[in-house]
Amino acid sequence: MKKFVIWKFELNGQGLQEVMMPQNAQILYVGMHKNQRYVWAIVNPKLAQESRKIEVKGTGCPFREAARNHISSFEAEYGGVYHAFEFLD
């Protein structure tokens, strides 16, 4: 039987970054926890790791056109609103 768990992965501020997580992870949400940005995903911990491209942008910040999926929008503890996207290959 496959056992799935929800893990969180730390993000480093804004902009485009690569996050390593088990293959086929289902990204659930990007948001703040204790003043730090994270992405939460349902994962099978037994699968090999793969790189996922996540971009976080503040409201009003320009971004380039690219194939992407919106993950979530969230408010930081200090009041800024951010939007998280996963880039598609």
N, C-alpha and C. Protein backbone atom coordinates (compact mmCIF):
# COMPACT_ATOMS: atom_id res chain seq x y z
N MET A 1 0.84 -1.18 0.00
CA MET A 1 0.00 0.00 0.00
C MET A 1 0.89 1.25 0.00
N LYS A 2 0.54 2.19 -0.87
CA LYS A 2 1.27 3.45 -0.90
C LYS A 2 0.86 4.29 0.29
N LYS A 3 1.85 4.90 0.94
CA LYS A 3 1.56 5.80 2.06
C LYS A 3 1.97 7.20 1.66
N PHE A 4 1.01 8.08 1.70
CA PHE A 4 1.24 9.47 1.36
C PHE A 4 1.23 10.31 2.63
N VAL A 5 2.01 11.38 2.62
CA VAL A 5 2.07 12.31 3.74
C VAL A 5 2.09 13.73 3.19
N ILE A 6 1.78 14.69 4.03
CA ILE A 6 1.91 16.09 3.65
C ILE A 6 3.20 16.62 4.25
N TRP A 7 4.05 17.14 3.38
CA TRP A 7 5.31 17.74 3.81
C TRP A 7 5.29 19.21 3.45
N LYS A 8 6.11 20.00 4.16
CA LYS A 8 6.30 21.40 3.78
C LYS A 8 7.76 21.60 3.38
N PHE A 9 7.94 22.49 2.42
CA PHE A 9 9.26 22.78 1.85
C PHE A 9 9.48 24.28 1.94
N GLU A 10 10.61 24.68 2.49
CA GLU A 10 10.91 26.10 2.69
C GLU A 10 11.22 26.79 1.37
N LEU A 11 10.71 28.00 1.23
CA LEU A 11 11.01 28.85 0.08
C LEU A 11 11.90 30.00 0.53
N ASN A 12 12.72 30.50 -0.37
CA ASN A 12 13.65 31.58 -0.06
C ASN A 12 13.17 32.89 -0.65
N GLY A 13 12.22 33.52 0.01
CA GLY A 13 11.76 34.83 -0.43
C GLY A 13 10.97 34.79 -1.72
N GLN A 14 11.14 35.85 -2.54
CA GLN A 14 10.41 35.99 -3.79
C GLN A 14 11.25 35.51 -4.96
N GLY A 15 10.62 35.47 -6.11
CA GLY A 15 11.29 35.13 -7.35
C GLY A 15 11.21 33.65 -7.66
N LEU A 16 11.86 33.28 -8.76
CA LEU A 16 11.86 31.91 -9.24
C LEU A 16 12.89 31.08 -8.48
N GLN A 17 12.49 29.89 -8.04
CA GLN A 17 13.41 29.00 -7.33
C GLN A 17 13.03 27.56 -7.59
N GLU A 18 14.00 26.69 -7.44
CA GLU A 18 13.78 25.27 -7.60
C GLU A 18 13.65 24.62 -6.23
N VAL A 19 12.63 23.79 -6.09
CA VAL A 19 12.36 23.10 -4.84
C VAL A 19 12.43 21.60 -5.11
N MET A 20 13.24 20.91 -4.33
CA MET A 20 13.36 19.46 -4.47
C MET A 20 12.29 18.80 -3.62
N MET A 21 11.54 17.89 -4.25
CA MET A 21 10.51 17.13 -3.53
C MET A 21 10.32 15.79 -4.24
N PRO A 22 9.70 14.81 -3.57
CA PRO A 22 9.51 13.51 -4.22
C PRO A 22 8.72 13.65 -5.53
N GLN A 23 9.04 12.78 -6.48
CA GLN A 23 8.37 12.78 -7.78
C GLN A 23 6.85 12.71 -7.61
N ASN A 24 6.16 13.37 -8.51
CA ASN A 24 4.70 13.35 -8.58
C ASN A 24 4.02 13.96 -7.36
N ALA A 25 4.72 14.78 -6.61
CA ALA A 25 4.11 15.45 -5.45
C ALA A 25 2.95 16.32 -5.93
N GLN A 26 1.88 16.34 -5.15
CA GLN A 26 0.73 17.18 -5.45
C GLN A 26 0.83 18.44 -4.59
N ILE A 27 1.16 19.56 -5.23
CA ILE A 27 1.30 20.81 -4.50
C ILE A 27 -0.08 21.30 -4.08
N LEU A 28 -0.19 21.62 -2.79
CA LEU A 28 -1.46 22.03 -2.22
C LEU A 28 -1.58 23.54 -2.03
N TYR A 29 -0.51 24.15 -1.51
CA TYR A 29 -0.64 25.53 -1.05
C TYR A 29 0.75 26.12 -0.86
N VAL A 30 0.86 27.42 -1.08
CA VAL A 30 2.04 28.19 -0.69
C VAL A 30 1.55 29.28 0.25
N GLY A 31 2.25 29.45 1.36
CA GLY A 31 1.84 30.46 2.32
C GLY A 31 2.89 30.69 3.38
N MET A 32 2.51 31.44 4.39
CA MET A 32 3.41 31.81 5.47
C MET A 32 3.15 30.95 6.70
N HIS A 33 4.23 30.64 7.41
CA HIS A 33 4.15 29.97 8.71
C HIS A 33 5.30 30.49 9.55
N LYS A 34 4.98 31.15 10.65
CA LYS A 34 5.99 31.73 11.53
C LYS A 34 6.97 32.63 10.76
N ASN A 35 6.40 33.50 9.93
CA ASN A 35 7.15 34.52 9.18
C ASN A 35 8.11 33.93 8.14
N GLN A 36 7.83 32.73 7.65
CA GLN A 36 8.63 32.09 6.61
C GLN A 36 7.69 31.54 5.55
N ARG A 37 8.10 31.63 4.27
CA ARG A 37 7.29 31.09 3.17
C ARG A 37 7.58 29.60 3.00
N TYR A 38 6.49 28.84 2.77
CA TYR A 38 6.60 27.39 2.53
C TYR A 38 5.64 26.98 1.43
N VAL A 39 5.95 25.83 0.82
CA VAL A 39 5.02 25.14 -0.06
C VAL A 39 4.69 23.81 0.60
N TRP A 40 3.39 23.48 0.66
CA TRP A 40 2.93 22.21 1.22
C TRP A 40 2.50 21.31 0.08
N ALA A 41 2.84 20.02 0.18
CA ALA A 41 2.50 19.08 -0.88
C ALA A 41 2.23 17.69 -0.31
N ILE A 42 1.35 16.96 -1.00
CA ILE A 42 1.14 15.54 -0.68
C ILE A 42 2.22 14.78 -1.42
N VAL A 43 2.98 13.97 -0.70
CA VAL A 43 4.11 13.26 -1.30
C VAL A 43 4.10 11.78 -0.93
N ASN A 44 4.76 11.00 -1.78
CA ASN A 44 5.09 9.62 -1.45
C ASN A 44 6.58 9.66 -1.11
N PRO A 45 6.95 9.56 0.17
CA PRO A 45 8.34 9.74 0.57
C PRO A 45 9.30 8.70 -0.01
N LYS A 46 8.78 7.61 -0.54
CA LYS A 46 9.64 6.55 -1.08
C LYS A 46 10.11 6.83 -2.51
N LEU A 47 9.51 7.83 -3.16
CA LEU A 47 9.89 8.14 -4.54
C LEU A 47 11.13 9.02 -4.59
N ALA A 48 11.84 8.93 -5.72
CA ALA A 48 13.03 9.75 -5.93
C ALA A 48 12.66 11.23 -5.97
N GLN A 49 13.63 12.08 -5.69
CA GLN A 49 13.44 13.53 -5.68
C GLN A 49 13.45 14.09 -7.10
N GLU A 50 12.70 15.16 -7.30
CA GLU A 50 12.74 15.91 -8.56
C GLU A 50 12.65 17.39 -8.24
N SER A 51 13.08 18.20 -9.18
CA SER A 51 13.08 19.64 -9.01
C SER A 51 11.77 20.22 -9.56
N ARG A 52 11.13 21.09 -8.77
CA ARG A 52 9.92 21.79 -9.20
C ARG A 52 10.23 23.28 -9.17
N LYS A 53 9.81 24.00 -10.19
CA LYS A 53 10.08 25.44 -10.30
C LYS A 53 8.88 26.22 -9.77
N ILE A 54 9.12 26.96 -8.69
CA ILE A 54 8.09 27.76 -8.04
C ILE A 54 8.51 29.22 -8.09
N GLU A 55 7.56 30.10 -8.43
CA GLU A 55 7.83 31.53 -8.43
C GLU A 55 6.82 32.22 -7.51
N VAL A 56 7.32 33.10 -6.66
CA VAL A 56 6.49 33.89 -5.76
C VAL A 56 6.67 35.36 -6.15
N LYS A 57 5.56 36.04 -6.40
CA LYS A 57 5.60 37.45 -6.80
C LYS A 57 4.62 38.24 -5.94
N GLY A 58 5.03 39.44 -5.57
CA GLY A 58 4.15 40.34 -4.84
C GLY A 58 3.16 41.01 -5.78
N THR A 59 2.03 41.41 -5.24
CA THR A 59 1.04 42.14 -6.04
C THR A 59 1.69 43.39 -6.63
N GLY A 60 1.48 43.59 -7.92
CA GLY A 60 2.02 44.76 -8.61
C GLY A 60 3.41 44.54 -9.19
N CYS A 61 4.07 43.42 -8.88
CA CYS A 61 5.40 43.14 -9.43
C CYS A 61 5.27 42.57 -10.84
N PRO A 62 6.11 43.03 -11.78
CA PRO A 62 6.05 42.49 -13.14
C PRO A 62 6.58 41.06 -13.19
N PHE A 63 6.08 40.30 -14.15
CA PHE A 63 6.62 38.96 -14.38
C PHE A 63 6.51 38.63 -15.86
N ARG A 64 7.35 37.73 -16.30
CA ARG A 64 7.39 37.38 -17.71
C ARG A 64 6.30 36.35 -18.04
N GLU A 65 5.89 36.36 -19.30
CA GLU A 65 4.88 35.40 -19.74
C GLU A 65 5.52 34.02 -19.88
N ALA A 66 4.90 33.04 -19.31
CA ALA A 66 5.40 31.67 -19.38
C ALA A 66 4.27 30.73 -19.01
N ALA A 67 4.42 29.45 -19.39
CA ALA A 67 3.43 28.45 -19.01
C ALA A 67 3.57 28.18 -17.51
N ARG A 68 2.50 28.41 -16.78
CA ARG A 68 2.54 28.26 -15.33
C ARG A 68 1.14 27.97 -14.80
N ASN A 69 1.09 27.38 -13.63
CA ASN A 69 -0.16 27.16 -12.90
C ASN A 69 -0.14 27.98 -11.62
N HIS A 70 -1.26 28.63 -11.33
CA HIS A 70 -1.38 29.36 -10.07
C HIS A 70 -1.59 28.36 -8.96
N ILE A 71 -0.76 28.44 -7.92
CA ILE A 71 -0.89 27.55 -6.76
C ILE A 71 -1.80 28.19 -5.73
N SER A 72 -1.46 29.40 -5.31
CA SER A 72 -2.25 30.09 -4.30
C SER A 72 -1.78 31.53 -4.19
N SER A 73 -2.61 32.33 -3.53
CA SER A 73 -2.27 33.69 -3.15
C SER A 73 -2.37 33.74 -1.63
N PHE A 74 -1.51 34.53 -1.00
CA PHE A 74 -1.50 34.55 0.46
C PHE A 74 -1.03 35.90 0.96
N GLU A 75 -1.39 36.20 2.19
CA GLU A 75 -0.99 37.45 2.83
C GLU A 75 0.12 37.18 3.82
N ALA A 76 1.20 37.95 3.71
CA ALA A 76 2.30 37.83 4.67
C ALA A 76 1.88 38.43 6.00
N GLU A 77 2.57 38.06 7.05
CA GLU A 77 2.23 38.54 8.39
C GLU A 77 2.33 40.05 8.52
N TYR A 78 3.14 40.70 7.68
CA TYR A 78 3.28 42.15 7.72
C TYR A 78 2.34 42.85 6.76
N GLY A 79 1.46 42.10 6.05
CA GLY A 79 0.42 42.70 5.23
C GLY A 79 0.58 42.62 3.72
N GLY A 80 1.76 42.30 3.20
CA GLY A 80 1.93 42.18 1.75
C GLY A 80 1.18 40.96 1.22
N VAL A 81 0.68 41.06 -0.02
CA VAL A 81 -0.02 39.94 -0.65
C VAL A 81 0.86 39.38 -1.76
N TYR A 82 1.01 38.06 -1.78
CA TYR A 82 1.88 37.36 -2.72
C TYR A 82 1.10 36.30 -3.48
N HIS A 83 1.66 35.92 -4.63
CA HIS A 83 1.02 34.97 -5.53
C HIS A 83 2.08 33.95 -5.95
N ALA A 84 1.74 32.66 -5.83
CA ALA A 84 2.70 31.59 -6.12
C ALA A 84 2.26 30.83 -7.36
N PHE A 85 3.23 30.52 -8.21
CA PHE A 85 3.00 29.81 -9.47
C PHE A 85 4.00 28.68 -9.59
N GLU A 86 3.58 27.60 -10.25
CA GLU A 86 4.52 26.55 -10.64
C GLU A 86 4.72 26.65 -12.14
N PHE A 87 5.98 26.67 -12.56
CA PHE A 87 6.31 26.72 -13.98
C PHE A 87 6.17 25.32 -14.57
N LEU A 88 5.60 25.26 -15.77
CA LEU A 88 5.41 23.99 -16.47
C LEU A 88 6.50 23.84 -17.52
N ASP A 89 6.97 22.62 -17.68
CA ASP A 89 8.01 22.37 -18.70
C ASP A 89 7.40 22.14 -20.06
